[in-house]
C-alpha atoms as a PDB file:
ATOM      1  CA  ILE A   1     -43.486  -2.967  23.614  1.00  0.00           C
ATOM      2  CA  GLU A   2     -41.177  -1.471  20.982  1.00  0.00           C
ATOM      3  CA  TYR A   3     -37.656  -0.253  21.574  1.00  0.00           C
ATOM      4  CA  TYR A   4     -35.787   2.095  19.290  1.00  0.00           C
ATOM      5  CA  THR A   5     -32.049   1.690  19.613  1.00  0.00           C
ATOM      6  CA  LEU A   6     -30.912   3.704  16.624  1.00  0.00           C
ATOM      7  CA  PRO A   7     -28.374   6.381  17.507  1.00  0.00           C
ATOM      8  CA  TYR A   8     -29.372   9.986  17.252  1.00  0.00           C
ATOM      9  CA  ILE A   9     -27.602  11.646  14.324  1.00  0.00           C
ATOM     10  CA  GLN A  10     -28.105  15.277  13.449  1.00  0.00           C
ATOM     11  CA  LEU A  11     -27.054  16.826  10.134  1.00  0.00           C
ATOM     12  CA  ASN A  12     -24.846  19.866  10.780  1.00  0.00           C
ATOM     13  CA  ARG A  13     -23.650  20.803   7.307  1.00  0.00           C
ATOM     14  CA  ARG A  14     -24.004  19.538   3.783  1.00  0.00           C
ATOM     15  CA  TRP A  15     -21.896  20.131   0.695  1.00  0.00           C
ATOM     16  CA  GLN A  16     -22.826  18.942  -2.759  1.00  0.00           C
ATOM     17  CA  THR A  17     -20.218  16.679  -4.335  1.00  0.00           C
ATOM     18  CA  SER A  18     -19.948  19.252  -7.132  1.00  0.00           C
ATOM     19  CA  PHE A  19     -18.282  21.505  -4.528  1.00  0.00           C
ATOM     20  CA  ILE A  20     -15.410  18.980  -4.378  1.00  0.00           C
ATOM     21  CA  CYS A  21     -15.590  16.995  -7.619  1.00  0.00           C
ATOM     22  CA  GLN A  22     -16.157  17.681 -11.278  1.00  0.00           C
ATOM     23  CA  HIS A  23     -18.892  15.766 -13.124  1.00  0.00           C
ATOM     24  CA  ASN A  24     -16.507  12.920 -14.084  1.00  0.00           C
ATOM     25  CA  GLN A  25     -15.069  12.443 -10.568  1.00  0.00           C
ATOM     26  CA  ILE A  26     -16.200  10.432  -7.556  1.00  0.00           C
ATOM     27  CA  ILE A  27     -15.202  10.269  -3.902  1.00  0.00           C
ATOM     28  CA  ASN A  28     -13.699   6.806  -3.546  1.00  0.00           C
ATOM     29  CA  ASP A  29     -12.635   6.897   0.112  1.00  0.00           C
ATOM     30  CA  ILE A  30     -13.122   9.152   3.113  1.00  0.00           C
ATOM     31  CA  LYS A  31     -11.354   9.164   6.485  1.00  0.00           C
ATOM     32  CA  SER A  32     -10.884  11.743   9.230  1.00  0.00           C
ATOM     33  CA  ASN A  33      -8.978  12.673  12.330  1.00  0.00           C
ATOM     34  CA  TYR A  34      -9.798  15.407  14.817  1.00  0.00           C
ATOM     35  CA  LEU A  35      -8.830  18.240  12.405  1.00  0.00           C
ATOM     36  CA  TYR A  36      -9.023  17.011   8.829  1.00  0.00           C
ATOM     37  CA  LEU A  37     -11.090  15.049   6.361  1.00  0.00           C
ATOM     38  CA  GLY A  38      -9.097  13.004   3.846  1.00  0.00           C
ATOM     39  CA  LEU A  39     -10.824  12.314   0.518  1.00  0.00           C
ATOM     40  CA  ILE A  40      -9.607  10.034  -2.259  1.00  0.00           C
ATOM     41  CA  ILE A  41     -11.104  11.462  -5.450  1.00  0.00           C
ATOM     42  CA  HIS A  42     -11.020   9.445  -8.670  1.00  0.00           C
ATOM     43  CA  ASN A  43     -11.448  10.743 -12.225  1.00  0.00           C
ATOM     44  CA  ASP A  44     -13.230   8.027 -14.246  1.00  0.00           C
ATOM     45  CA  ILE A  45     -12.338   9.437 -17.671  1.00  0.00           C
ATOM     46  CA  ILE A  46      -8.554   9.630 -17.243  1.00  0.00           C
ATOM     47  CA  ASN A  47      -8.360   6.917 -14.518  1.00  0.00           C
ATOM     48  CA  LYS A  48      -6.322   9.022 -12.073  1.00  0.00           C
ATOM     49  CA  SER A  49      -6.746   9.671  -8.356  1.00  0.00           C
ATOM     50  CA  ARG A  50      -5.774  12.322  -5.838  1.00  0.00           C
ATOM     51  CA  LEU A  51      -5.830  12.811  -2.077  1.00  0.00           C
ATOM     52  CA  GLU A  52      -7.550  15.984  -0.987  1.00  0.00           C
ATOM     53  CA  LEU A  53      -7.269  17.139   2.601  1.00  0.00           C
ATOM     54  CA  ARG A  54      -9.922  19.517   3.966  1.00  0.00           C
ATOM     55  CA  SER A  55     -10.478  21.094   7.352  1.00  0.00           C
ATOM     56  CA  ILE A  56     -13.377  19.601   9.267  1.00  0.00           C
ATOM     57  CA  GLU A  57     -14.526  22.923  10.684  1.00  0.00           C
ATOM     58  CA  TYR A  58     -14.849  25.001   7.498  1.00  0.00           C
ATOM     59  CA  PHE A  59     -14.225  22.378   4.799  1.00  0.00           C
ATOM     60  CA  GLN A  60     -11.520  24.542   3.218  1.00  0.00           C
ATOM     61  CA  SER A  61      -8.936  22.759   1.079  1.00  0.00           C
ATOM     62  CA  ILE A  62      -5.589  22.273   2.831  1.00  0.00           C
ATOM     63  CA  TYR A  63      -3.873  20.496  -0.060  1.00  0.00           C
ATOM     64  CA  SER A  64      -4.514  18.202  -2.994  1.00  0.00           C
ATOM     65  CA  ILE A  65      -1.899  15.712  -4.165  1.00  0.00           C
ATOM     66  CA  TYR A  66      -1.865  13.562  -7.303  1.00  0.00           C
ATOM     67  CA  LEU A  67      -1.515   9.857  -6.439  1.00  0.00           C
ATOM     68  CA  GLY A  68      -1.370   8.105  -9.803  1.00  0.00           C
ATOM     69  CA  GLN A  69      -3.325   5.840 -12.131  1.00  0.00           C
ATOM     70  CA  GLY A  70      -6.163   3.684 -10.856  1.00  0.00           C
ATOM     71  CA  TRP A  71      -9.036   3.800  -8.410  1.00  0.00           C
ATOM     72  CA  SER A  72      -7.949   1.440  -5.605  1.00  0.00           C
ATOM     73  CA  TYR A  73      -6.363   4.056  -3.330  1.00  0.00           C
ATOM     74  CA  ARG A  74      -7.374   4.200   0.337  1.00  0.00           C
ATOM     75  CA  CYS A  75      -6.232   6.682   2.974  1.00  0.00           C
ATOM     76  CA  SER A  76      -5.827   6.943   6.723  1.00  0.00           C
ATOM     77  CA  PRO A  77      -4.637   9.652   9.082  1.00  0.00           C
ATOM     78  CA  TYR A  78      -1.302   8.693  10.607  1.00  0.00           C
ATOM     79  CA  ASN A  79       0.302   9.935  13.834  1.00  0.00           C
ATOM     80  CA  ASN A  80      -2.008  12.971  14.165  1.00  0.00           C
ATOM     81  CA  SER A  81      -0.594  15.152  11.386  1.00  0.00           C
ATOM     82  CA  ASP A  82       0.500  12.883   8.514  1.00  0.00           C
ATOM     83  CA  TRP A  83      -1.510  10.670   6.174  1.00  0.00           C
ATOM     84  CA  ILE A  84      -0.805   7.275   4.684  1.00  0.00           C
ATOM     85  CA  VAL A  85      -2.273   6.076   1.391  1.00  0.00           C
ATOM     86  CA  VAL A  86      -2.572   2.478   0.166  1.00  0.00           C
ATOM     87  CA  ASP A  87      -1.928   1.942  -3.548  1.00  0.00           C
ATOM     88  CA  GLY A  88      -3.321  -1.509  -4.354  1.00  0.00           C
ATOM     89  CA  TYR A  89      -2.280  -1.389  -8.024  1.00  0.00           C
ATOM     90  CA  ASN A  90       1.400  -0.962  -7.263  1.00  0.00           C
ATOM     91  CA  ASN A  91       1.542  -2.792  -3.894  1.00  0.00           C
ATOM     92  CA  ARG A  92       2.795   0.237  -2.013  1.00  0.00           C
ATOM     93  CA  PHE A  93       2.098   2.824   0.652  1.00  0.00           C
ATOM     94  CA  LEU A  94       2.654   6.546   0.366  1.00  0.00           C
ATOM     95  CA  LYS A  95       3.420   8.448   3.574  1.00  0.00           C
ATOM     96  CA  ILE A  96       2.295  12.035   3.089  1.00  0.00           C
ATOM     97  CA  SER A  97       3.445  14.879   5.330  1.00  0.00           C
ATOM     98  CA  ASN A  98       1.119  17.465   6.830  1.00  0.00           C
ATOM     99  CA  SER A  99       2.268  19.866   4.077  1.00  0.00           C
ATOM    100  CA  GLY A 100       1.108  17.522   1.292  1.00  0.00           C
ATOM    101  CA  ILE A 101       4.471  16.089   0.213  1.00  0.00           C
ATOM    102  CA  ILE A 102       5.142  12.372  -0.285  1.00  0.00           C
ATOM    103  CA  ASP A 103       7.796  11.696   2.383  1.00  0.00           C
ATOM    104  CA  LYS A 104       8.224   8.001   1.811  1.00  0.00           C
ATOM    105  CA  THR A 105       7.143   5.221  -0.545  1.00  0.00           C
ATOM    106  CA  ILE A 106       7.054   1.726   0.959  1.00  0.00           C
ATOM    107  CA  PHE A 107       6.552  -1.340  -1.225  1.00  0.00           C
ATOM    108  CA  TYR A 108       4.518  -4.221   0.232  1.00  0.00           C
ATOM    109  CA  PRO A 109       4.866  -7.936  -0.656  1.00  0.00           C
ATOM    110  CA  THR A 110       1.133  -8.500  -1.224  1.00  0.00           C
ATOM    111  CA  LYS A 111      -1.673  -6.357  -2.593  1.00  0.00           C
ATOM    112  CA  PRO A 112      -2.981  -4.080   0.190  1.00  0.00           C
ATOM    113  CA  PHE A 113      -6.662  -3.152   0.071  1.00  0.00           C
ATOM    114  CA  ASN A 114      -7.066  -0.910   3.090  1.00  0.00           C
ATOM    115  CA  ILE A 115      -5.188   0.645   5.983  1.00  0.00           C
ATOM    116  CA  VAL A 116      -6.035   2.188   9.336  1.00  0.00           C
ATOM    117  CA  ASP A 117      -3.943   3.927  11.984  1.00  0.00           C
ATOM    118  CA  TRP A 118      -3.990   1.748  15.102  1.00  0.00           C
ATOM    119  CA  GLY A 119      -2.724   4.306  17.600  1.00  0.00           C
ATOM    120  CA  GLN A 120       0.824   4.574  18.983  1.00  0.00           C
ATOM    121  CA  ASP A 121       2.938   3.828  15.880  1.00  0.00           C
ATOM    122  CA  LYS A 122       0.831   0.878  14.699  1.00  0.00           C
ATOM    123  CA  ILE A 123      -1.103   0.338  11.486  1.00  0.00           C
ATOM    124  CA  ALA A 124      -3.519  -2.385  10.410  1.00  0.00           C
ATOM    125  CA  ILE A 125      -3.382  -3.483   6.771  1.00  0.00           C
ATOM    126  CA  ARG A 126      -6.057  -5.564   5.046  1.00  0.00           C
ATOM    127  CA  THR A 127      -5.076  -7.746   2.099  1.00  0.00           C
ATOM    128  CA  SER A 128      -7.217 -10.275   0.231  1.00  0.00           C
ATOM    129  CA  GLU A 129      -6.299 -13.035   2.686  1.00  0.00           C
ATOM    130  CA  HIS A 130      -5.078 -11.486   5.942  1.00  0.00           C
ATOM    131  CA  LEU A 131      -5.206  -8.614   8.367  1.00  0.00           C
ATOM    132  CA  TYR A 132      -1.700  -7.502   9.367  1.00  0.00           C
ATOM    133  CA  ILE A 133      -0.724  -5.336  12.329  1.00  0.00           C
ATOM    134  CA  HIS A 134       2.623  -3.532  11.970  1.00  0.00           C
ATOM    135  CA  ASP A 135       4.757  -1.466  14.316  1.00  0.00           C
ATOM    136  CA  CYS A 136       6.009   1.705  12.623  1.00  0.00           C
ATOM    137  CA  GLN A 137       8.769   4.172  13.399  1.00  0.00           C
END
């Protein structure tokens, strides 16, 4: 007897990366909430990254914001309409409003590698040695 337990996944739409990136760019991170897809796009030649927010339904660009030098940026939706970006090079977080403006920069004592929204005003942060859970206002 054989059992197949793989989930059923159906492809709905497909976009070539050239639709989003130029030939010297790569998608370095991808996260979503119920409305938007957040993409961290890195340019290998000039070593700079940006956050691009696109609608899930039609994949139209909502905004694109320059983040800085380096490739170690990671993003997460935050409190339904905002986004938070981890900058591992500079040990900081960037809170980005739903209009694509950096509202707040928060410096962190250790190098953060990843972040995820943990529901009601909580975030989880992964560093090289620990996983931290923080309450946020």
